[in-house]
Amino acid sequence: MKSSAITRRAALAAISASALASALSIPAGAQSDFMRGDRMPYDAFERLQKIDIEVPGGVIHAGFAPGDLALPQEKILDWIRISARAVSTYYGRFPVAELKLLIVPVSGRRVRGGTTWGYRGAAIRVLLGREASEDDLRRDWVMVHEMVHLALPDMPDRYSWLSEGLAVYIEPIARVQAGDMAARDIWQAMTRDMPKGLPEAGDQGLDNTPTWGRRYWGGAMFCLLADVEIHKLTGNRLGLQDAMRGVIAVGGNHEKNWPIERVLTTADKAVGLDVMTRLHREMGDKPVTPNLDDLWRDLGLRLRGEALEFDDSAPLAAIRKAITATPAK
């Protein structure tokens, strides 16, 4: 979950910071320092001891808020390294030169949420259940999701569908490319969940319909359509990955504030097309309902009950494979 530098919205909208802290049983002393609403507690973070993790093109300064965790610290650092490797694989390098990463122990198991900021330097806060296991971290998607946000300049909140959509779409692809997830799992989730992003009655386009479905899965649908179209128009040589690498190549990341027009034209320039700008022009201010069933068929995705089968004879099967293929170094 991205927190806009313009609106500073909480990671879990509609839940107050105090209610969230109480629900997660955060010690009173840690609440004020590390759960300060929708803002990253930069000053409190600076007082923590940090462990530096070298990543391609940068360094992560990892700090742990007070509180016990069942897992040894080294296991958590390994999880951070694995997540950073996936993001670096997708983008060619880590999106920012320095990242402040705050781990906050909370009650329960699993990873309980995360938020990304950039207004005083790139920063991520992740809420980690005290009883989280190695298996919980192995299956986690939150850390990679938040790190993907680092690769996109901050924009007004009405365009959060692009930030969240890219994170939803890229996170599993990056994990597959890094060898941490199976491609079949991605397409299974997409065929199941992508319809949540289709417009409903009263929809006014991605820019003007801030529902959960449109923000997350509507944004992911935009990314999938852009990816497939770029692959089509370049003879399967380039895709969304190349377009988004073009943004960070010219210094675009979450520490910068860009208008959406600059983000999209920069991405388009990287692949020599106008795909993303054109799609935004079509989908930004009016509802567009792609035929997902036809798209799945053309990509070679066949559902047999709960099972997903690949049809490699389908017209876009080569594009499906290219989307998740590990990029050449």
C-alpha atoms as a PDB file:
ATOM      1  CA  MET A   1       0.000   0.000   0.000  1.00  0.00           C
ATOM      2  CA  LYS A   2       1.466   3.337  -1.064  1.00  0.00           C
ATOM      3  CA  SER A   3       1.005   6.459   1.043  1.00  0.00           C
ATOM      4  CA  SER A   4       0.783   9.507  -1.202  1.00  0.00           C
ATOM      5  CA  ALA A   5       3.065  12.391  -0.273  1.00  0.00           C
ATOM      6  CA  ILE A   6       0.181  14.656  -1.187  1.00  0.00           C
ATOM      7  CA  THR A   7      -2.632  13.097   0.782  1.00  0.00           C
ATOM      8  CA  ARG A   8      -0.669  11.067   3.379  1.00  0.00           C
ATOM      9  CA  ARG A   9      -3.436   8.488   3.541  1.00  0.00           C
ATOM     10  CA  ALA A  10      -3.170   5.696   6.069  1.00  0.00           C
ATOM     11  CA  ALA A  11      -2.088   2.263   4.898  1.00  0.00           C
ATOM     12  CA  LEU A  12      -5.392   0.870   6.030  1.00  0.00           C
ATOM     13  CA  ALA A  13      -7.908   3.493   5.049  1.00  0.00           C
ATOM     14  CA  ALA A  14     -11.007   3.846   7.222  1.00  0.00           C
ATOM     15  CA  ILE A  15      -9.183   2.507  10.297  1.00  0.00           C
ATOM     16  CA  SER A  16      -7.689   5.156  12.573  1.00  0.00           C
ATOM     17  CA  ALA A  17      -4.061   4.804  13.586  1.00  0.00           C
ATOM     18  CA  SER A  18      -4.971   4.400  17.248  1.00  0.00           C
ATOM     19  CA  ALA A  19      -7.581   1.735  16.465  1.00  0.00           C
ATOM     20  CA  LEU A  20      -5.101  -0.115  14.292  1.00  0.00           C
ATOM     21  CA  ALA A  21      -2.417   0.005  16.951  1.00  0.00           C
ATOM     22  CA  SER A  22      -4.860  -1.235  19.575  1.00  0.00           C
ATOM     23  CA  ALA A  23      -6.129  -4.037  17.364  1.00  0.00           C
ATOM     24  CA  LEU A  24      -2.568  -5.213  16.746  1.00  0.00           C
ATOM     25  CA  SER A  25      -1.626  -5.022  20.438  1.00  0.00           C
ATOM     26  CA  ILE A  26       1.367  -2.747  19.910  1.00  0.00           C
ATOM     27  CA  PRO A  27       2.964  -1.730  23.221  1.00  0.00           C
ATOM     28  CA  ALA A  28       1.952   1.765  24.295  1.00  0.00           C
ATOM     29  CA  GLY A  29       5.495   3.085  24.090  1.00  0.00           C
ATOM     30  CA  ALA A  30       5.927   1.896  20.534  1.00  0.00           C
ATOM     31  CA  GLN A  31       2.591   3.281  19.352  1.00  0.00           C
ATOM     32  CA  SER A  32       3.651   6.911  19.479  1.00  0.00           C
ATOM     33  CA  ASP A  33       7.052   6.331  17.911  1.00  0.00           C
ATOM     34  CA  PHE A  34       6.374   3.775  15.207  1.00  0.00           C
ATOM     35  CA  MET A  35       2.624   3.857  14.442  1.00  0.00           C
ATOM     36  CA  ARG A  36       2.134   7.556  13.925  1.00  0.00           C
ATOM     37  CA  GLY A  37      -0.901   7.433  11.668  1.00  0.00           C
ATOM     38  CA  ASP A  38      -0.159   7.691   7.995  1.00  0.00           C
ATOM     39  CA  ARG A  39       3.359   9.075   8.361  1.00  0.00           C
ATOM     40  CA  MET A  40       6.635   7.210   8.428  1.00  0.00           C
ATOM     41  CA  PRO A  41       8.271   7.826  11.843  1.00  0.00           C
ATOM     42  CA  TYR A  42      11.553   8.989  10.303  1.00  0.00           C
ATOM     43  CA  ASP A  43      12.895  10.564  13.503  1.00  0.00           C
ATOM     44  CA  ALA A  44      12.142   7.492  15.613  1.00  0.00           C
ATOM     45  CA  PHE A  45      13.677   5.280  12.916  1.00  0.00           C
ATOM     46  CA  GLU A  46      16.937   7.215  13.052  1.00  0.00           C
ATOM     47  CA  ARG A  47      17.298   6.346  16.751  1.00  0.00           C
ATOM     48  CA  LEU A  48      17.212   2.607  16.043  1.00  0.00           C
ATOM     49  CA  GLN A  49      20.224   0.450  15.380  1.00  0.00           C
ATOM     50  CA  LYS A  50      20.268  -0.422  11.703  1.00  0.00           C
ATOM     51  CA  ILE A  51      21.546  -3.381   9.727  1.00  0.00           C
ATOM     52  CA  ASP A  52      22.671  -2.514   6.208  1.00  0.00           C
ATOM     53  CA  ILE A  53      21.768  -4.869   3.383  1.00  0.00           C
ATOM     54  CA  GLU A  54      23.567  -4.358   0.088  1.00  0.00           C
ATOM     55  CA  VAL A  55      21.316  -4.629  -2.974  1.00  0.00           C
ATOM     56  CA  PRO A  56      22.060  -4.084  -6.692  1.00  0.00           C
ATOM     57  CA  GLY A  57      22.532  -0.328  -7.031  1.00  0.00           C
ATOM     58  CA  GLY A  58      21.790   0.564  -3.419  1.00  0.00           C
ATOM     59  CA  VAL A  59      21.514  -0.303   0.241  1.00  0.00           C
ATOM     60  CA  ILE A  60      18.635  -1.084   2.601  1.00  0.00           C
ATOM     61  CA  HIS A  61      18.919   0.241   6.149  1.00  0.00           C
ATOM     62  CA  ALA A  62      16.802  -2.223   8.156  1.00  0.00           C
ATOM     63  CA  GLY A  63      15.626  -1.257  11.628  1.00  0.00           C
ATOM     64  CA  PHE A  64      13.470  -3.188  14.109  1.00  0.00           C
ATOM     65  CA  ALA A  65      10.955  -1.442  16.360  1.00  0.00           C
ATOM     66  CA  PRO A  66      10.787  -2.708  19.974  1.00  0.00           C
ATOM     67  CA  GLY A  67       9.063  -6.056  20.425  1.00  0.00           C
ATOM     68  CA  ASP A  68       9.801  -9.755  20.339  1.00  0.00           C
ATOM     69  CA  LEU A  69       9.658 -11.908  17.218  1.00  0.00           C
ATOM     70  CA  ALA A  70       9.591 -15.693  17.132  1.00  0.00           C
ATOM     71  CA  LEU A  71      11.955 -15.856  14.164  1.00  0.00           C
ATOM     72  CA  PRO A  72      15.672 -15.128  14.474  1.00  0.00           C
ATOM     73  CA  GLN A  73      16.616 -11.768  13.046  1.00  0.00           C
ATOM     74  CA  GLU A  74      18.735 -13.377  10.328  1.00  0.00           C
ATOM     75  CA  LYS A  75      15.656 -15.164   8.924  1.00  0.00           C
ATOM     76  CA  ILE A  76      13.887 -11.838   8.614  1.00  0.00           C
ATOM     77  CA  LEU A  77      16.922 -10.279   6.945  1.00  0.00           C
ATOM     78  CA  ASP A  78      16.946 -13.192   4.477  1.00  0.00           C
ATOM     79  CA  TRP A  79      13.291 -12.444   3.660  1.00  0.00           C
ATOM     80  CA  ILE A  80      14.217  -8.817   2.976  1.00  0.00           C
ATOM     81  CA  ARG A  81      17.126  -9.895   0.750  1.00  0.00           C
ATOM     82  CA  ILE A  82      14.956 -12.331  -1.220  1.00  0.00           C
ATOM     83  CA  SER A  83      12.269  -9.679  -1.742  1.00  0.00           C
ATOM     84  CA  ALA A  84      14.847  -7.099  -2.847  1.00  0.00           C
ATOM     85  CA  ARG A  85      16.352  -9.634  -5.255  1.00  0.00           C
ATOM     86  CA  ALA A  86      12.975 -10.157  -6.930  1.00  0.00           C
ATOM     87  CA  VAL A  87      12.420  -6.416  -7.378  1.00  0.00           C
ATOM     88  CA  SER A  88      15.985  -5.918  -8.630  1.00  0.00           C
ATOM     89  CA  THR A  89      15.508  -8.758 -11.116  1.00  0.00           C
ATOM     90  CA  TYR A  90      12.430  -7.120 -12.568  1.00  0.00           C
ATOM     91  CA  TYR A  91      13.816  -3.586 -12.764  1.00  0.00           C
ATOM     92  CA  GLY A  92      17.448  -4.432 -13.484  1.00  0.00           C
ATOM     93  CA  ARG A  93      18.496  -2.837 -10.191  1.00  0.00           C
ATOM     94  CA  PHE A  94      16.933  -1.765  -6.925  1.00  0.00           C
ATOM     95  CA  PRO A  95      14.695   1.267  -7.568  1.00  0.00           C
ATOM     96  CA  VAL A  96      16.314   3.613  -5.002  1.00  0.00           C
ATOM     97  CA  ALA A  97      19.881   4.141  -3.808  1.00  0.00           C
ATOM     98  CA  GLU A  98      18.877   4.036  -0.144  1.00  0.00           C
ATOM     99  CA  LEU A  99      15.841   2.613   1.624  1.00  0.00           C
ATOM    100  CA  LYS A 100      14.829   2.987   5.252  1.00  0.00           C
ATOM    101  CA  LEU A 101      12.981  -0.228   6.136  1.00  0.00           C
ATOM    102  CA  LEU A 102      11.176  -0.401   9.470  1.00  0.00           C
ATOM    103  CA  ILE A 103       9.936  -3.754  10.801  1.00  0.00           C
ATOM    104  CA  VAL A 104       7.261  -3.334  13.499  1.00  0.00           C
ATOM    105  CA  PRO A 105       6.366  -6.448  15.551  1.00  0.00           C
ATOM    106  CA  VAL A 106       2.612  -6.821  16.055  1.00  0.00           C
ATOM    107  CA  SER A 107       0.375  -9.543  17.435  1.00  0.00           C
ATOM    108  CA  GLY A 108      -0.477 -12.625  15.405  1.00  0.00           C
ATOM    109  CA  ARG A 109       1.131 -14.485  12.526  1.00  0.00           C
ATOM    110  CA  ARG A 110       2.070 -13.562   8.965  1.00  0.00           C
ATOM    111  CA  VAL A 111       2.833 -10.151   7.539  1.00  0.00           C
ATOM    112  CA  ARG A 112       0.024  -7.828   8.555  1.00  0.00           C
ATOM    113  CA  GLY A 113       0.528  -4.931   6.125  1.00  0.00           C
ATOM    114  CA  GLY A 114       2.930  -2.351   4.794  1.00  0.00           C
ATOM    115  CA  THR A 115       3.175   1.264   3.671  1.00  0.00           C
ATOM    116  CA  THR A 116       5.671   3.107   1.469  1.00  0.00           C
ATOM    117  CA  TRP A 117       6.730   6.764   1.609  1.00  0.00           C
ATOM    118  CA  GLY A 118       9.186   9.016  -0.165  1.00  0.00           C
ATOM    119  CA  TYR A 119       8.808  12.538   1.229  1.00  0.00           C
ATOM    120  CA  ARG A 120      11.949  12.371   3.420  1.00  0.00           C
ATOM    121  CA  GLY A 121      13.729   9.650   1.517  1.00  0.00           C
ATOM    122  CA  ALA A 122      12.415   6.272   0.435  1.00  0.00           C
ATOM    123  CA  ALA A 123      10.950   4.398   3.401  1.00  0.00           C
ATOM    124  CA  ILE A 124       8.817   1.327   4.031  1.00  0.00           C
ATOM    125  CA  ARG A 125       7.113   0.247   7.248  1.00  0.00           C
ATOM    126  CA  VAL A 126       6.054  -3.412   7.488  1.00  0.00           C
ATOM    127  CA  LEU A 127       3.927  -4.862  10.280  1.00  0.00           C
ATOM    128  CA  LEU A 128       5.199  -8.349  11.059  1.00  0.00           C
ATOM    129  CA  GLY A 129       3.295 -10.780  13.280  1.00  0.00           C
ATOM    130  CA  ARG A 130       5.332 -11.807  16.294  1.00  0.00           C
ATOM    131  CA  GLU A 131       4.498 -15.471  15.674  1.00  0.00           C
ATOM    132  CA  ALA A 132       5.303 -15.392  11.955  1.00  0.00           C
ATOM    133  CA  SER A 133       7.073 -18.517  10.700  1.00  0.00           C
ATOM    134  CA  GLU A 134       9.580 -19.107   7.936  1.00  0.00           C
ATOM    135  CA  ASP A 135       6.736 -20.457   5.820  1.00  0.00           C
ATOM    136  CA  ASP A 136       4.761 -17.240   6.383  1.00  0.00           C
ATOM    137  CA  LEU A 137       7.684 -15.221   5.047  1.00  0.00           C
ATOM    138  CA  ARG A 138       8.257 -17.616   2.149  1.00  0.00           C
ATOM    139  CA  ARG A 139       4.657 -17.115   0.991  1.00  0.00           C
ATOM    140  CA  ASP A 140       4.555 -13.374   1.703  1.00  0.00           C
ATOM    141  CA  TRP A 141       3.786 -10.896  -1.064  1.00  0.00           C
ATOM    142  CA  VAL A 142       3.646  -7.672   0.982  1.00  0.00           C
ATOM    143  CA  MET A 143       7.380  -6.894   1.072  1.00  0.00           C
ATOM    144  CA  VAL A 144       7.794  -7.175  -2.709  1.00  0.00           C
ATOM    145  CA  HIS A 145       4.556  -5.231  -3.258  1.00  0.00           C
ATOM    146  CA  GLU A 146       5.855  -2.343  -1.152  1.00  0.00           C
ATOM    147  CA  MET A 147       9.274  -2.382  -2.814  1.00  0.00           C
ATOM    148  CA  VAL A 148       7.626  -2.146  -6.249  1.00  0.00           C
ATOM    149  CA  HIS A 149       6.059   1.142  -5.117  1.00  0.00           C
ATOM    150  CA  LEU A 150       9.598   2.530  -4.821  1.00  0.00           C
ATOM    151  CA  ALA A 151      10.003   2.406  -8.607  1.00  0.00           C
ATOM    152  CA  LEU A 152       7.160   4.822  -9.385  1.00  0.00           C
ATOM    153  CA  PRO A 153       7.184   8.586  -8.792  1.00  0.00           C
ATOM    154  CA  ASP A 154       4.546   9.861  -6.403  1.00  0.00           C
ATOM    155  CA  MET A 155       1.398  11.233  -8.032  1.00  0.00           C
ATOM    156  CA  PRO A 156      -1.906  12.746  -6.903  1.00  0.00           C
ATOM    157  CA  ASP A 157      -4.155  10.240  -5.143  1.00  0.00           C
ATOM    158  CA  ARG A 158      -6.631  10.007  -8.022  1.00  0.00           C
ATOM    159  CA  TYR A 159      -3.940   8.077  -9.905  1.00  0.00           C
ATOM    160  CA  SER A 160      -3.238   5.609  -7.112  1.00  0.00           C
ATOM    161  CA  TRP A 161      -4.767   2.938  -9.375  1.00  0.00           C
ATOM    162  CA  LEU A 162      -1.524   3.064 -11.383  1.00  0.00           C
ATOM    163  CA  SER A 163       0.692   2.720  -8.316  1.00  0.00           C
ATOM    164  CA  GLU A 164      -1.382  -0.047  -6.745  1.00  0.00           C
ATOM    165  CA  GLY A 165      -2.075  -1.707 -10.084  1.00  0.00           C
ATOM    166  CA  LEU A 166       1.626  -1.884 -10.939  1.00  0.00           C
ATOM    167  CA  ALA A 167       2.407  -3.317  -7.501  1.00  0.00           C
ATOM    168  CA  VAL A 168      -0.349  -5.954  -7.790  1.00  0.00           C
ATOM    169  CA  TYR A 169       0.723  -6.880 -11.320  1.00  0.00           C
ATOM    170  CA  ILE A 170       4.520  -6.746 -11.008  1.00  0.00           C
ATOM    171  CA  GLU A 171       4.922  -8.344  -7.549  1.00  0.00           C
ATOM    172  CA  PRO A 172       4.166 -11.950  -8.606  1.00  0.00           C
ATOM    173  CA  ILE A 173       5.952 -11.573 -11.952  1.00  0.00           C
ATOM    174  CA  ALA A 174       9.095 -10.373 -10.172  1.00  0.00           C
ATOM    175  CA  ARG A 175       8.922 -13.353  -7.812  1.00  0.00           C
ATOM    176  CA  VAL A 176       8.557 -15.780 -10.713  1.00  0.00           C
ATOM    177  CA  GLN A 177      11.486 -14.201 -12.550  1.00  0.00           C
ATOM    178  CA  ALA A 178      13.591 -14.535  -9.405  1.00  0.00           C
ATOM    179  CA  GLY A 179      12.645 -18.216  -9.043  1.00  0.00           C
ATOM    180  CA  ASP A 180      10.521 -17.728  -5.925  1.00  0.00           C
ATOM    181  CA  MET A 181       7.095 -18.547  -7.396  1.00  0.00           C
ATOM    182  CA  ALA A 182       5.553 -20.640 -10.177  1.00  0.00           C
ATOM    183  CA  ALA A 183       4.159 -18.905 -13.266  1.00  0.00           C
ATOM    184  CA  ARG A 184       1.025 -21.042 -13.068  1.00  0.00           C
ATOM    185  CA  ASP A 185       0.188 -19.426  -9.703  1.00  0.00           C
ATOM    186  CA  ILE A 186       0.223 -15.950 -11.270  1.00  0.00           C
ATOM    187  CA  TRP A 187      -2.170 -16.785 -14.057  1.00  0.00           C
ATOM    188  CA  GLN A 188      -4.416 -18.743 -11.718  1.00  0.00           C
ATOM    189  CA  ALA A 189      -4.747 -15.643  -9.517  1.00  0.00           C
ATOM    190  CA  MET A 190      -5.261 -13.316 -12.475  1.00  0.00           C
ATOM    191  CA  THR A 191      -8.037 -15.358 -14.023  1.00  0.00           C
ATOM    192  CA  ARG A 192      -9.714 -15.567 -10.616  1.00  0.00           C
ATOM    193  CA  ASP A 193      -9.266 -11.968  -9.404  1.00  0.00           C
ATOM    194  CA  MET A 194      -8.875  -9.707 -12.441  1.00  0.00           C
ATOM    195  CA  PRO A 195     -12.678  -9.441 -12.952  1.00  0.00           C
ATOM    196  CA  LYS A 196     -12.811  -7.556  -9.629  1.00  0.00           C
ATOM    197  CA  GLY A 197     -11.285  -4.639 -11.527  1.00  0.00           C
ATOM    198  CA  LEU A 198     -13.989  -4.399 -14.204  1.00  0.00           C
ATOM    199  CA  PRO A 199     -16.188  -1.288 -14.111  1.00  0.00           C
ATOM    200  CA  GLU A 200     -19.562  -1.494 -12.421  1.00  0.00           C
ATOM    201  CA  ALA A 201     -22.651   0.710 -12.692  1.00  0.00           C
ATOM    202  CA  GLY A 202     -21.796   4.370 -12.204  1.00  0.00           C
ATOM    203  CA  ASP A 203     -18.115   3.918 -13.019  1.00  0.00           C
ATOM    204  CA  GLN A 204     -16.367   7.063 -14.247  1.00  0.00           C
ATOM    205  CA  GLY A 205     -13.060   5.614 -15.360  1.00  0.00           C
ATOM    206  CA  LEU A 206      -9.928   4.699 -13.450  1.00  0.00           C
ATOM    207  CA  ASP A 207      -9.081   8.308 -12.555  1.00  0.00           C
ATOM    208  CA  ASN A 208     -12.466   8.975 -10.990  1.00  0.00           C
ATOM    209  CA  THR A 209     -13.579   5.680  -9.422  1.00  0.00           C
ATOM    210  CA  PRO A 210     -11.645   5.143  -6.157  1.00  0.00           C
ATOM    211  CA  THR A 211     -13.177   1.792  -5.237  1.00  0.00           C
ATOM    212  CA  TRP A 212     -10.977  -1.017  -3.948  1.00  0.00           C
ATOM    213  CA  GLY A 213     -11.603  -3.196  -6.996  1.00  0.00           C
ATOM    214  CA  ARG A 214     -10.833  -0.499  -9.530  1.00  0.00           C
ATOM    215  CA  ARG A 215      -7.788   0.802  -7.623  1.00  0.00           C
ATOM    216  CA  TYR A 216      -6.076  -2.561  -7.249  1.00  0.00           C
ATOM    217  CA  TRP A 217      -7.404  -4.923  -9.887  1.00  0.00           C
ATOM    218  CA  GLY A 218      -8.536  -2.243 -12.323  1.00  0.00           C
ATOM    219  CA  GLY A 219      -5.002  -0.874 -12.193  1.00  0.00           C
ATOM    220  CA  ALA A 220      -3.559  -4.381 -12.629  1.00  0.00           C
ATOM    221  CA  MET A 221      -5.839  -4.912 -15.630  1.00  0.00           C
ATOM    222  CA  PHE A 222      -4.486  -1.700 -17.200  1.00  0.00           C
ATOM    223  CA  CYS A 223      -0.951  -3.061 -16.683  1.00  0.00           C
ATOM    224  CA  LEU A 224      -1.770  -6.440 -18.222  1.00  0.00           C
ATOM    225  CA  LEU A 225      -3.378  -4.825 -21.265  1.00  0.00           C
ATOM    226  CA  ALA A 226      -0.372  -2.521 -21.680  1.00  0.00           C
ATOM    227  CA  ASP A 227       2.063  -5.422 -21.295  1.00  0.00           C
ATOM    228  CA  VAL A 228       0.326  -7.571 -23.901  1.00  0.00           C
ATOM    229  CA  GLU A 229       0.019  -4.654 -26.333  1.00  0.00           C
ATOM    230  CA  ILE A 230       3.690  -3.685 -26.048  1.00  0.00           C
ATOM    231  CA  HIS A 231       4.697  -7.291 -26.662  1.00  0.00           C
ATOM    232  CA  LYS A 232       2.401  -7.456 -29.702  1.00  0.00           C
ATOM    233  CA  LEU A 233       3.691  -4.231 -31.267  1.00  0.00           C
ATOM    234  CA  THR A 234       7.366  -5.059 -30.726  1.00  0.00           C
ATOM    235  CA  GLY A 235       7.243  -8.616 -32.013  1.00  0.00           C
ATOM    236  CA  ASN A 236       7.499  -9.925 -28.436  1.00  0.00           C
ATOM    237  CA  ARG A 237      10.858  -8.170 -27.907  1.00  0.00           C
ATOM    238  CA  LEU A 238       9.727  -5.641 -25.282  1.00  0.00           C
ATOM    239  CA  GLY A 239       7.042  -5.379 -22.631  1.00  0.00           C
ATOM    240  CA  LEU A 240       5.831  -3.371 -19.668  1.00  0.00           C
ATOM    241  CA  GLN A 241       9.000  -4.371 -17.840  1.00  0.00           C
ATOM    242  CA  ASP A 242      11.112  -2.419 -20.341  1.00  0.00           C
ATOM    243  CA  ALA A 243       8.762   0.541 -20.166  1.00  0.00           C
ATOM    244  CA  MET A 244       8.934   0.754 -16.371  1.00  0.00           C
ATOM    245  CA  ARG A 245      12.705   0.248 -16.373  1.00  0.00           C
ATOM    246  CA  GLY A 246      12.776   3.355 -18.543  1.00  0.00           C
ATOM    247  CA  VAL A 247      11.184   5.385 -15.735  1.00  0.00           C
ATOM    248  CA  ILE A 248      13.844   4.585 -13.139  1.00  0.00           C
ATOM    249  CA  ALA A 249      16.583   4.903 -15.792  1.00  0.00           C
ATOM    250  CA  VAL A 250      15.928   8.657 -15.962  1.00  0.00           C
ATOM    251  CA  GLY A 251      15.689   9.057 -12.184  1.00  0.00           C
ATOM    252  CA  GLY A 252      11.987   8.457 -11.660  1.00  0.00           C
ATOM    253  CA  ASN A 253      11.285   6.823  -8.298  1.00  0.00           C
ATOM    254  CA  HIS A 254       9.086   7.276  -5.247  1.00  0.00           C
ATOM    255  CA  GLU A 255      11.208  10.105  -3.890  1.00  0.00           C
ATOM    256  CA  LYS A 256      10.084  12.269  -6.830  1.00  0.00           C
ATOM    257  CA  ASN A 257       6.726  13.888  -7.571  1.00  0.00           C
ATOM    258  CA  TRP A 258       5.711  13.592 -11.223  1.00  0.00           C
ATOM    259  CA  PRO A 259       2.419  14.180 -13.020  1.00  0.00           C
ATOM    260  CA  ILE A 260       0.958  11.010 -14.487  1.00  0.00           C
ATOM    261  CA  GLU A 261       1.510  12.346 -18.003  1.00  0.00           C
ATOM    262  CA  ARG A 262       5.276  12.415 -17.415  1.00  0.00           C
ATOM    263  CA  VAL A 263       5.254   8.881 -15.987  1.00  0.00           C
ATOM    264  CA  LEU A 264       3.359   7.459 -18.955  1.00  0.00           C
ATOM    265  CA  THR A 265       5.254   9.338 -21.680  1.00  0.00           C
ATOM    266  CA  THR A 266       8.579   8.363 -20.110  1.00  0.00           C
ATOM    267  CA  ALA A 267       7.522   4.712 -20.016  1.00  0.00           C
ATOM    268  CA  ASP A 268       6.274   4.901 -23.604  1.00  0.00           C
ATOM    269  CA  LYS A 269       9.501   6.528 -24.795  1.00  0.00           C
ATOM    270  CA  ALA A 270      11.520   3.654 -23.362  1.00  0.00           C
ATOM    271  CA  VAL A 271       9.787   1.218 -25.739  1.00  0.00           C
ATOM    272  CA  GLY A 272       9.249   3.646 -28.626  1.00  0.00           C
ATOM    273  CA  LEU A 273       5.447   3.476 -28.472  1.00  0.00           C
ATOM    274  CA  ASP A 274       2.477   5.381 -27.060  1.00  0.00           C
ATOM    275  CA  VAL A 275       0.676   2.390 -25.533  1.00  0.00           C
ATOM    276  CA  MET A 276       0.395   3.573 -21.929  1.00  0.00           C
ATOM    277  CA  THR A 277      -0.551   7.133 -22.821  1.00  0.00           C
ATOM    278  CA  ARG A 278      -3.203   5.874 -25.236  1.00  0.00           C
ATOM    279  CA  LEU A 279      -4.630   3.367 -22.762  1.00  0.00           C
ATOM    280  CA  HIS A 280      -4.904   6.064 -20.123  1.00  0.00           C
ATOM    281  CA  ARG A 281      -6.671   8.316 -22.587  1.00  0.00           C
ATOM    282  CA  GLU A 282      -9.166   5.505 -23.229  1.00  0.00           C
ATOM    283  CA  MET A 283      -9.624   4.228 -19.661  1.00  0.00           C
ATOM    284  CA  GLY A 284      -8.873   7.193 -17.417  1.00  0.00           C
ATOM    285  CA  ASP A 285     -12.139   9.121 -17.566  1.00  0.00           C
ATOM    286  CA  LYS A 286     -14.661   6.553 -18.805  1.00  0.00           C
ATOM    287  CA  PRO A 287     -15.479   2.905 -18.133  1.00  0.00           C
ATOM    288  CA  VAL A 288     -13.906   0.354 -20.449  1.00  0.00           C
ATOM    289  CA  THR A 289     -14.778  -3.334 -20.143  1.00  0.00           C
ATOM    290  CA  PRO A 290     -12.218  -5.572 -21.861  1.00  0.00           C
ATOM    291  CA  ASN A 291     -13.285  -9.083 -22.793  1.00  0.00           C
ATOM    292  CA  LEU A 292     -11.159 -10.970 -20.302  1.00  0.00           C
ATOM    293  CA  ASP A 293     -12.443 -14.378 -21.371  1.00  0.00           C
ATOM    294  CA  ASP A 294     -11.116 -13.770 -24.892  1.00  0.00           C
ATOM    295  CA  LEU A 295      -7.829 -12.510 -23.501  1.00  0.00           C
ATOM    296  CA  TRP A 296      -7.358 -15.602 -21.328  1.00  0.00           C
ATOM    297  CA  ARG A 297      -8.137 -17.832 -24.293  1.00  0.00           C
ATOM    298  CA  ASP A 298      -5.651 -16.019 -26.553  1.00  0.00           C
ATOM    299  CA  LEU A 299      -2.952 -16.205 -23.858  1.00  0.00           C
ATOM    300  CA  GLY A 300      -3.518 -19.954 -23.691  1.00  0.00           C
ATOM    301  CA  LEU A 301      -5.164 -20.135 -20.282  1.00  0.00           C
ATOM    302  CA  ARG A 302      -7.755 -22.893 -19.906  1.00  0.00           C
ATOM    303  CA  LEU A 303      -9.674 -23.429 -16.686  1.00  0.00           C
ATOM    304  CA  ARG A 304     -10.765 -27.004 -16.033  1.00  0.00           C
ATOM    305  CA  GLY A 305     -12.797 -26.651 -12.869  1.00  0.00           C
ATOM    306  CA  GLU A 306     -10.303 -25.394 -10.284  1.00  0.00           C
ATOM    307  CA  ALA A 307      -7.285 -26.418 -12.364  1.00  0.00           C
ATOM    308  CA  LEU A 308      -5.515 -24.141 -14.850  1.00  0.00           C
ATOM    309  CA  GLU A 309      -4.035 -25.582 -18.025  1.00  0.00           C
ATOM    310  CA  PHE A 310      -1.676 -23.916 -20.488  1.00  0.00           C
ATOM    311  CA  ASP A 311      -2.416 -24.099 -24.217  1.00  0.00           C
ATOM    312  CA  ASP A 312       0.883 -23.336 -25.930  1.00  0.00           C
ATOM    313  CA  SER A 313      -0.782 -23.329 -29.353  1.00  0.00           C
ATOM    314  CA  ALA A 314      -2.835 -20.216 -28.455  1.00  0.00           C
ATOM    315  CA  PRO A 315      -2.070 -17.059 -30.478  1.00  0.00           C
ATOM    316  CA  LEU A 316      -0.587 -15.143 -27.527  1.00  0.00           C
ATOM    317  CA  ALA A 317       1.002 -18.075 -25.694  1.00  0.00           C
ATOM    318  CA  ALA A 318       4.504 -16.838 -26.554  1.00  0.00           C
ATOM    319  CA  ILE A 319       3.657 -13.461 -25.008  1.00  0.00           C
ATOM    320  CA  ARG A 320       2.374 -15.175 -21.867  1.00  0.00           C
ATOM    321  CA  LYS A 321       5.688 -16.985 -21.532  1.00  0.00           C
ATOM    322  CA  ALA A 322       7.716 -13.852 -22.239  1.00  0.00           C
ATOM    323  CA  ILE A 323       5.939 -11.855 -19.523  1.00  0.00           C
ATOM    324  CA  THR A 324       7.235 -14.145 -16.783  1.00  0.00           C
ATOM    325  CA  ALA A 325      10.564 -15.124 -18.374  1.00  0.00           C
ATOM    326  CA  THR A 326      13.676 -14.165 -16.421  1.00  0.00           C
ATOM    327  CA  PRO A 327      15.217 -11.183 -18.239  1.00  0.00           C
ATOM    328  CA  ALA A 328      18.669 -11.530 -19.777  1.00  0.00           C
ATOM    329  CA  LYS A 329      21.361  -9.750 -17.783  1.00  0.00           C
END
